[in-house]
Amino acid sequence: HEFDRGSPGLALLLDEVTFPVVCANLDVREDSLLAGR
């Protein structure tokens, strides 16, 4: 459900939180909003 608003919605959440968010089985290198995050 972190993806329910697509990459923009998740990017907003990542902008706002101050704690680490991890996921090993996602490859987002080609997603400009999420790459490296």
All heavy atoms as atom14 arrays in JSON, in Angstrom:
{
  "sequence": "HEFDRGSPGLALLLDEVTFPVVCANLDVREDSLLAGR",
  "atom14_mask": [
    [1, 1, 1, 1, 1, 1, 1, 1, 1, 1, 0, 0, 0, 0],
    [1, 1, 1, 1, 1, 1, 1, 1, 1, 0, 0, 0, 0, 0],
    [1, 1, 1, 1, 1, 1, 1, 1, 1, 1, 1, 0, 0, 0],
    [1, 1, 1, 1, 1, 1, 1, 1, 0, 0, 0, 0, 0, 0],
    [1, 1, 1, 1, 1, 1, 1, 1, 1, 1, 1, 0, 0, 0],
    [1, 1, 1, 1, 0, 0, 0, 0, 0, 0, 0, 0, 0, 0],
    [1, 1, 1, 1, 1, 1, 0, 0, 0, 0, 0, 0, 0, 0],
    [1, 1, 1, 1, 1, 1, 1, 0, 0, 0, 0, 0, 0, 0],
    [1, 1, 1, 1, 0, 0, 0, 0, 0, 0, 0, 0, 0, 0],
    [1, 1, 1, 1, 1, 1, 1, 1, 0, 0, 0, 0, 0, 0],
    [1, 1, 1, 1, 1, 0, 0, 0, 0, 0, 0, 0, 0, 0],
    [1, 1, 1, 1, 1, 1, 1, 1, 0, 0, 0, 0, 0, 0],
    [1, 1, 1, 1, 1, 1, 1, 1, 0, 0, 0, 0, 0, 0],
    [1, 1, 1, 1, 1, 1, 1, 1, 0, 0, 0, 0, 0, 0],
    [1, 1, 1, 1, 1, 1, 1, 1, 0, 0, 0, 0, 0, 0],
    [1, 1, 1, 1, 1, 1, 1, 1, 1, 0, 0, 0, 0, 0],
    [1, 1, 1, 1, 1, 1, 1, 0, 0, 0, 0, 0, 0, 0],
    [1, 1, 1, 1, 1, 1, 1, 0, 0, 0, 0, 0, 0, 0],
    [1, 1, 1, 1, 1, 1, 1, 1, 1, 1, 1, 0, 0, 0],
    [1, 1, 1, 1, 1, 1, 1, 0, 0, 0, 0, 0, 0, 0],
    [1, 1, 1, 1, 1, 1, 1, 0, 0, 0, 0, 0, 0, 0],
    [1, 1, 1, 1, 1, 1, 1, 0, 0, 0, 0, 0, 0, 0],
    [1, 1, 1, 1, 1, 1, 0, 0, 0, 0, 0, 0, 0, 0],
    [1, 1, 1, 1, 1, 0, 0, 0, 0, 0, 0, 0, 0, 0],
    [1, 1, 1, 1, 1, 1, 1, 1, 0, 0, 0, 0, 0, 0],
    [1, 1, 1, 1, 1, 1, 1, 1, 0, 0, 0, 0, 0, 0],
    [1, 1, 1, 1, 1, 1, 1, 1, 0, 0, 0, 0, 0, 0],
    [1, 1, 1, 1, 1, 1, 1, 0, 0, 0, 0, 0, 0, 0],
    [1, 1, 1, 1, 1, 1, 1, 1, 1, 1, 1, 0, 0, 0],
    [1, 1, 1, 1, 1, 1, 1, 1, 1, 0, 0, 0, 0, 0],
    [1, 1, 1, 1, 1, 1, 1, 1, 0, 0, 0, 0, 0, 0],
    [1, 1, 1, 1, 1, 1, 0, 0, 0, 0, 0, 0, 0, 0],
    [1, 1, 1, 1, 1, 1, 1, 1, 0, 0, 0, 0, 0, 0],
    [1, 1, 1, 1, 1, 1, 1, 1, 0, 0, 0, 0, 0, 0],
    [1, 1, 1, 1, 1, 0, 0, 0, 0, 0, 0, 0, 0, 0],
    [1, 1, 1, 1, 0, 0, 0, 0, 0, 0, 0, 0, 0, 0],
    [1, 1, 1, 1, 1, 1, 1, 1, 1, 1, 1, 0, 0, 0]
  ],
  "atom14_positions": [
    [[0.81, -1.22, 0.0], [0.0, 0.0, 0.0], [0.85, 1.28, 0.0], [0.3, 2.36, -0.26], [-0.97, -0.01, 1.17], [-2.15, -0.91, 0.93], [-3.13, -0.62, 0.01], [-2.48, -2.1, 1.48], [-4.02, -1.59, 0.0], [-3.64, -2.51, 0.88], [0.0, 0.0, 0.0], [0.0, 0.0, 0.0], [0.0, 0.0, 0.0], [0.0, 0.0, 0.0]],
    [[2.13, 1.17, 0.26], [2.99, 2.34, 0.1], [3.07, 2.77, -1.37], [3.48, 3.9, -1.68], [4.4, 2.05, 0.64], [4.62, 2.43, 2.08], [3.89, 1.54, 3.07], [4.23, 0.34, 3.18], [2.96, 2.04, 3.74], [0.0, 0.0, 0.0], [0.0, 0.0, 0.0], [0.0, 0.0, 0.0], [0.0, 0.0, 0.0], [0.0, 0.0, 0.0]],
    [[2.65, 1.89, -2.28], [2.69, 2.18, -3.72], [1.33, 2.56, -4.27], [1.19, 2.7, -5.49], [3.23, 0.96, -4.48], [4.69, 0.7, -4.28], [5.13, -0.04, -3.2], [5.63, 1.2, -5.16], [6.48, -0.29, -3.0], [6.99, 0.97, -4.99], [7.41, 0.22, -3.9], [0.0, 0.0, 0.0], [0.0, 0.0, 0.0], [0.0, 0.0, 0.0]],
    [[0.32, 2.73, -3.42], [-1.03, 2.97, -3.94], [-1.16, 4.29, -4.69], [-2.05, 4.44, -5.53], [-2.05, 2.94, -2.79], [-2.4, 1.51, -2.39], [-1.85, 0.57, -2.99], [-3.22, 1.34, -1.47], [0.0, 0.0, 0.0], [0.0, 0.0, 0.0], [0.0, 0.0, 0.0], [0.0, 0.0, 0.0], [0.0, 0.0, 0.0], [0.0, 0.0, 0.0]],
    [[-0.32, 5.26, -4.4], [-0.3, 6.52, -5.15], [0.9, 6.57, -6.09], [1.37, 7.65, -6.46], [-0.3, 7.71, -4.19], [-1.6, 7.86, -3.4], [-1.52, 9.0, -2.4], [-2.74, 9.11, -1.6], [-3.73, 9.97, -1.84], [-3.64, 10.8, -2.86], [-4.8, 9.99, -1.07], [0.0, 0.0, 0.0], [0.0, 0.0, 0.0], [0.0, 0.0, 0.0]],
    [[1.37, 5.39, -6.47], [2.48, 5.31, -7.41], [3.79, 5.8, -6.81], [3.9, 6.05, -5.61], [0.0, 0.0, 0.0], [0.0, 0.0, 0.0], [0.0, 0.0, 0.0], [0.0, 0.0, 0.0], [0.0, 0.0, 0.0], [0.0, 0.0, 0.0], [0.0, 0.0, 0.0], [0.0, 0.0, 0.0], [0.0, 0.0, 0.0], [0.0, 0.0, 0.0]],
    [[4.77, 5.96, -7.66], [6.07, 6.45, -7.21], [6.01, 7.84, -6.59], [6.71, 8.12, -5.61], [7.08, 6.43, -8.36], [7.3, 5.1, -8.78], [0.0, 0.0, 0.0], [0.0, 0.0, 0.0], [0.0, 0.0, 0.0], [0.0, 0.0, 0.0], [0.0, 0.0, 0.0], [0.0, 0.0, 0.0], [0.0, 0.0, 0.0], [0.0, 0.0, 0.0]],
    [[5.18, 8.77, -7.12], [5.1, 10.08, -6.47], [4.62, 9.99, -5.02], [5.14, 10.7, -4.14], [4.08, 10.84, -7.34], [4.2, 10.21, -8.69], [4.44, 8.76, -8.41], [0.0, 0.0, 0.0], [0.0, 0.0, 0.0], [0.0, 0.0, 0.0], [0.0, 0.0, 0.0], [0.0, 0.0, 0.0], [0.0, 0.0, 0.0], [0.0, 0.0, 0.0]],
    [[3.65, 9.11, -4.74], [3.17, 8.97, -3.38], [4.22, 8.4, -2.45], [4.38, 8.86, -1.31], [0.0, 0.0, 0.0], [0.0, 0.0, 0.0], [0.0, 0.0, 0.0], [0.0, 0.0, 0.0], [0.0, 0.0, 0.0], [0.0, 0.0, 0.0], [0.0, 0.0, 0.0], [0.0, 0.0, 0.0], [0.0, 0.0, 0.0], [0.0, 0.0, 0.0]],
    [[4.96, 7.39, -2.92], [6.01, 6.82, -2.1], [7.16, 7.8, -1.92], [7.73, 7.92, -0.83], [6.51, 5.52, -2.72], [7.68, 4.84, -1.99], [7.39, 4.62, -0.52], [8.04, 3.52, -2.68], [0.0, 0.0, 0.0], [0.0, 0.0, 0.0], [0.0, 0.0, 0.0], [0.0, 0.0, 0.0], [0.0, 0.0, 0.0], [0.0, 0.0, 0.0]],
    [[7.5, 8.53, -2.98], [8.56, 9.53, -2.87], [8.22, 10.59, -1.83], [9.08, 11.03, -1.05], [8.82, 10.17, -4.23], [0.0, 0.0, 0.0], [0.0, 0.0, 0.0], [0.0, 0.0, 0.0], [0.0, 0.0, 0.0], [0.0, 0.0, 0.0], [0.0, 0.0, 0.0], [0.0, 0.0, 0.0], [0.0, 0.0, 0.0], [0.0, 0.0, 0.0]],
    [[6.95, 11.01, -1.79], [6.52, 11.97, -0.79], [6.73, 11.41, 0.61], [7.23, 12.09, 1.52], [5.05, 12.34, -1.01], [4.44, 13.42, -0.1], [3.29, 14.12, -0.81], [3.94, 12.86, 1.23], [0.0, 0.0, 0.0], [0.0, 0.0, 0.0], [0.0, 0.0, 0.0], [0.0, 0.0, 0.0], [0.0, 0.0, 0.0], [0.0, 0.0, 0.0]],
    [[6.33, 10.13, 0.81], [6.51, 9.52, 2.12], [7.98, 9.44, 2.5], [8.35, 9.74, 3.65], [5.87, 8.12, 2.11], [5.86, 7.38, 3.45], [4.97, 8.08, 4.46], [5.41, 5.94, 3.26], [0.0, 0.0, 0.0], [0.0, 0.0, 0.0], [0.0, 0.0, 0.0], [0.0, 0.0, 0.0], [0.0, 0.0, 0.0], [0.0, 0.0, 0.0]],
    [[8.82, 9.05, 1.56], [10.26, 8.97, 1.84], [10.85, 10.34, 2.15], [11.78, 10.47, 2.95], [10.99, 8.33, 0.66], [10.64, 6.87, 0.37], [11.33, 6.41, -0.92], [11.02, 5.98, 1.54], [0.0, 0.0, 0.0], [0.0, 0.0, 0.0], [0.0, 0.0, 0.0], [0.0, 0.0, 0.0], [0.0, 0.0, 0.0], [0.0, 0.0, 0.0]],
    [[10.31, 11.39, 1.52], [10.75, 12.75, 1.83], [10.43, 13.12, 3.27], [11.18, 13.86, 3.91], [10.04, 13.76, 0.91], [10.57, 13.74, -0.51], [11.68, 13.22, -0.73], [9.85, 14.23, -1.41], [0.0, 0.0, 0.0], [0.0, 0.0, 0.0], [0.0, 0.0, 0.0], [0.0, 0.0, 0.0], [0.0, 0.0, 0.0], [0.0, 0.0, 0.0]],
    [[9.3, 12.61, 3.77], [8.79, 13.05, 5.07], [9.37, 12.27, 6.25], [9.54, 12.82, 7.33], [7.26, 12.93, 5.1], [6.54, 13.84, 4.11], [6.56, 15.29, 4.54], [6.57, 15.56, 5.75], [6.58, 16.17, 3.64], [0.0, 0.0, 0.0], [0.0, 0.0, 0.0], [0.0, 0.0, 0.0], [0.0, 0.0, 0.0], [0.0, 0.0, 0.0]],
    [[9.64, 10.97, 6.08], [10.07, 10.18, 7.23], [11.55, 10.43, 7.54], [12.34, 10.76, 6.65], [9.83, 8.67, 7.01], [8.35, 8.39, 6.81], [10.66, 8.12, 5.85], [0.0, 0.0, 0.0], [0.0, 0.0, 0.0], [0.0, 0.0, 0.0], [0.0, 0.0, 0.0], [0.0, 0.0, 0.0], [0.0, 0.0, 0.0], [0.0, 0.0, 0.0]],
    [[11.89, 10.26, 8.81], [13.26, 10.46, 9.26], [13.92, 9.16, 9.7], [14.98, 9.18, 10.31], [13.29, 11.47, 10.41], [12.46, 11.01, 11.49], [12.81, 12.84, 9.96], [0.0, 0.0, 0.0], [0.0, 0.0, 0.0], [0.0, 0.0, 0.0], [0.0, 0.0, 0.0], [0.0, 0.0, 0.0], [0.0, 0.0, 0.0], [0.0, 0.0, 0.0]],
    [[13.28, 8.02, 9.41], [13.83, 6.72, 9.8], [14.12, 5.9, 8.55], [13.56, 6.16, 7.48], [12.86, 5.97, 10.73], [11.41, 6.0, 10.3], [10.91, 5.08, 9.39], [10.54, 6.95, 10.81], [9.59, 5.11, 8.99], [9.21, 7.0, 10.44], [8.73, 6.06, 9.51], [0.0, 0.0, 0.0], [0.0, 0.0, 0.0], [0.0, 0.0, 0.0]],
    [[15.0, 4.89, 8.66], [15.37, 4.1, 7.48], [14.22, 3.26, 6.95], [13.45, 2.67, 7.71], [16.49, 3.19, 8.0], [16.95, 3.8, 9.27], [15.78, 4.51, 9.85], [0.0, 0.0, 0.0], [0.0, 0.0, 0.0], [0.0, 0.0, 0.0], [0.0, 0.0, 0.0], [0.0, 0.0, 0.0], [0.0, 0.0, 0.0], [0.0, 0.0, 0.0]],
    [[14.09, 3.22, 5.62], [13.11, 2.37, 4.93], [13.89, 1.47, 3.99], [14.6, 1.96, 3.11], [12.09, 3.22, 4.15], [11.12, 2.31, 3.4], [11.32, 4.14, 5.1], [0.0, 0.0, 0.0], [0.0, 0.0, 0.0], [0.0, 0.0, 0.0], [0.0, 0.0, 0.0], [0.0, 0.0, 0.0], [0.0, 0.0, 0.0], [0.0, 0.0, 0.0]],
    [[13.78, 0.15, 4.19], [14.61, -0.8, 3.45], [13.75, -1.81, 2.7], [12.64, -2.13, 3.11], [15.58, -1.55, 4.39], [16.5, -0.58, 5.11], [14.81, -2.41, 5.41], [0.0, 0.0, 0.0], [0.0, 0.0, 0.0], [0.0, 0.0, 0.0], [0.0, 0.0, 0.0], [0.0, 0.0, 0.0], [0.0, 0.0, 0.0], [0.0, 0.0, 0.0]],
    [[14.27, -2.29, 1.58], [13.62, -3.39, 0.86], [14.62, -3.98, -0.13], [15.11, -3.27, -1.02], [12.36, -2.93, 0.12], [11.37, -4.3, -0.49], [0.0, 0.0, 0.0], [0.0, 0.0, 0.0], [0.0, 0.0, 0.0], [0.0, 0.0, 0.0], [0.0, 0.0, 0.0], [0.0, 0.0, 0.0], [0.0, 0.0, 0.0], [0.0, 0.0, 0.0]],
    [[14.94, -5.26, 0.04], [15.99, -5.88, -0.76], [15.5, -6.36, -2.12], [16.27, -6.37, -3.09], [16.6, -7.06, 0.01], [0.0, 0.0, 0.0], [0.0, 0.0, 0.0], [0.0, 0.0, 0.0], [0.0, 0.0, 0.0], [0.0, 0.0, 0.0], [0.0, 0.0, 0.0], [0.0, 0.0, 0.0], [0.0, 0.0, 0.0], [0.0, 0.0, 0.0]],
    [[14.24, -6.79, -2.22], [13.8, -7.39, -3.48], [13.02, -6.42, -4.36], [12.09, -6.79, -5.07], [12.99, -8.67, -3.23], [11.68, -8.42, -2.5], [11.6, -7.57, -1.62], [10.65, -9.19, -2.85], [0.0, 0.0, 0.0], [0.0, 0.0, 0.0], [0.0, 0.0, 0.0], [0.0, 0.0, 0.0], [0.0, 0.0, 0.0], [0.0, 0.0, 0.0]],
    [[13.42, -5.16, -4.33], [12.92, -4.15, -5.26], [14.09, -3.6, -6.08], [15.13, -3.24, -5.51], [12.25, -3.0, -4.51], [10.81, -3.16, -4.05], [10.36, -1.89, -3.35], [9.87, -3.49, -5.2], [0.0, 0.0, 0.0], [0.0, 0.0, 0.0], [0.0, 0.0, 0.0], [0.0, 0.0, 0.0], [0.0, 0.0, 0.0], [0.0, 0.0, 0.0]],
    [[13.9, -3.52, -7.36], [14.88, -2.86, -8.24], [14.21, -1.59, -8.77], [13.31, -1.65, -9.61], [15.28, -3.77, -9.38], [16.32, -3.15, -10.3], [16.62, -1.94, -10.14], [16.82, -3.87, -11.19], [0.0, 0.0, 0.0], [0.0, 0.0, 0.0], [0.0, 0.0, 0.0], [0.0, 0.0, 0.0], [0.0, 0.0, 0.0], [0.0, 0.0, 0.0]],
    [[14.63, -0.44, -8.23], [14.04, 0.84, -8.65], [15.09, 1.73, -9.32], [14.92, 2.95, -9.39], [13.4, 1.57, -7.45], [12.21, 0.81, -6.92], [14.43, 1.81, -6.34], [0.0, 0.0, 0.0], [0.0, 0.0, 0.0], [0.0, 0.0, 0.0], [0.0, 0.0, 0.0], [0.0, 0.0, 0.0], [0.0, 0.0, 0.0], [0.0, 0.0, 0.0]],
    [[16.14, 1.12, -9.83], [17.22, 1.92, -10.42], [16.77, 2.74, -11.62], [17.34, 3.79, -11.91], [18.37, 0.99, -10.83], [19.13, 0.39, -9.65], [20.17, -0.61, -10.11], [19.53, -1.78, -10.73], [20.2, -2.81, -11.24], [21.54, -2.8, -11.22], [19.57, -3.84, -11.77], [0.0, 0.0, 0.0], [0.0, 0.0, 0.0], [0.0, 0.0, 0.0]],
    [[15.72, 2.26, -12.31], [15.23, 2.97, -13.49], [14.08, 3.92, -13.18], [13.55, 4.57, -14.09], [14.79, 1.97, -14.55], [15.88, 1.01, -15.0], [17.09, 1.74, -15.57], [16.88, 2.72, -16.32], [18.23, 1.35, -15.25], [0.0, 0.0, 0.0], [0.0, 0.0, 0.0], [0.0, 0.0, 0.0], [0.0, 0.0, 0.0], [0.0, 0.0, 0.0]],
    [[13.69, 4.0, -11.92], [12.62, 4.91, -11.5], [13.26, 6.17, -10.94], [13.86, 6.15, -9.87], [11.74, 4.24, -10.45], [10.49, 5.05, -10.11], [10.6, 6.28, -10.0], [9.42, 4.45, -9.94], [0.0, 0.0, 0.0], [0.0, 0.0, 0.0], [0.0, 0.0, 0.0], [0.0, 0.0, 0.0], [0.0, 0.0, 0.0], [0.0, 0.0, 0.0]],
    [[13.15, 7.27, -11.65], [13.87, 8.49, -11.28], [13.44, 9.04, -9.92], [14.22, 9.73, -9.26], [13.67, 9.56, -12.36], [12.29, 9.89, -12.49], [0.0, 0.0, 0.0], [0.0, 0.0, 0.0], [0.0, 0.0, 0.0], [0.0, 0.0, 0.0], [0.0, 0.0, 0.0], [0.0, 0.0, 0.0], [0.0, 0.0, 0.0], [0.0, 0.0, 0.0]],
    [[12.22, 8.74, -9.49], [11.73, 9.26, -8.2], [12.21, 8.43, -7.02], [12.24, 8.93, -5.89], [10.2, 9.3, -8.2], [9.55, 10.28, -9.17], [8.02, 10.15, -9.1], [9.96, 11.72, -8.85], [0.0, 0.0, 0.0], [0.0, 0.0, 0.0], [0.0, 0.0, 0.0], [0.0, 0.0, 0.0], [0.0, 0.0, 0.0], [0.0, 0.0, 0.0]],
    [[12.59, 7.18, -7.26], [12.92, 6.27, -6.16], [14.36, 5.78, -6.19], [14.85, 5.25, -5.18], [11.99, 5.06, -6.19], [10.48, 5.34, -6.1], [9.7, 4.05, -6.18], [10.14, 6.12, -4.83], [0.0, 0.0, 0.0], [0.0, 0.0, 0.0], [0.0, 0.0, 0.0], [0.0, 0.0, 0.0], [0.0, 0.0, 0.0], [0.0, 0.0, 0.0]],
    [[15.04, 5.94, -7.3], [16.4, 5.39, -7.45], [17.32, 5.87, -6.33], [17.37, 7.07, -6.02], [16.97, 5.76, -8.81], [0.0, 0.0, 0.0], [0.0, 0.0, 0.0], [0.0, 0.0, 0.0], [0.0, 0.0, 0.0], [0.0, 0.0, 0.0], [0.0, 0.0, 0.0], [0.0, 0.0, 0.0], [0.0, 0.0, 0.0], [0.0, 0.0, 0.0]],
    [[18.02, 4.93, -5.72], [18.99, 5.25, -4.68], [18.4, 5.58, -3.33], [19.15, 5.95, -2.41], [0.0, 0.0, 0.0], [0.0, 0.0, 0.0], [0.0, 0.0, 0.0], [0.0, 0.0, 0.0], [0.0, 0.0, 0.0], [0.0, 0.0, 0.0], [0.0, 0.0, 0.0], [0.0, 0.0, 0.0], [0.0, 0.0, 0.0], [0.0, 0.0, 0.0]],
    [[17.1, 5.41, -3.17], [16.45, 5.85, -1.93], [15.99, 4.69, -1.04], [15.53, 4.93, 0.07], [15.25, 6.74, -2.26], [15.58, 7.92, -3.16], [14.44, 8.89, -3.25], [14.17, 9.54, -1.97], [13.18, 10.39, -1.75], [12.34, 10.68, -2.71], [13.02, 10.93, -0.57], [0.0, 0.0, 0.0], [0.0, 0.0, 0.0], [0.0, 0.0, 0.0]]
  ]
}
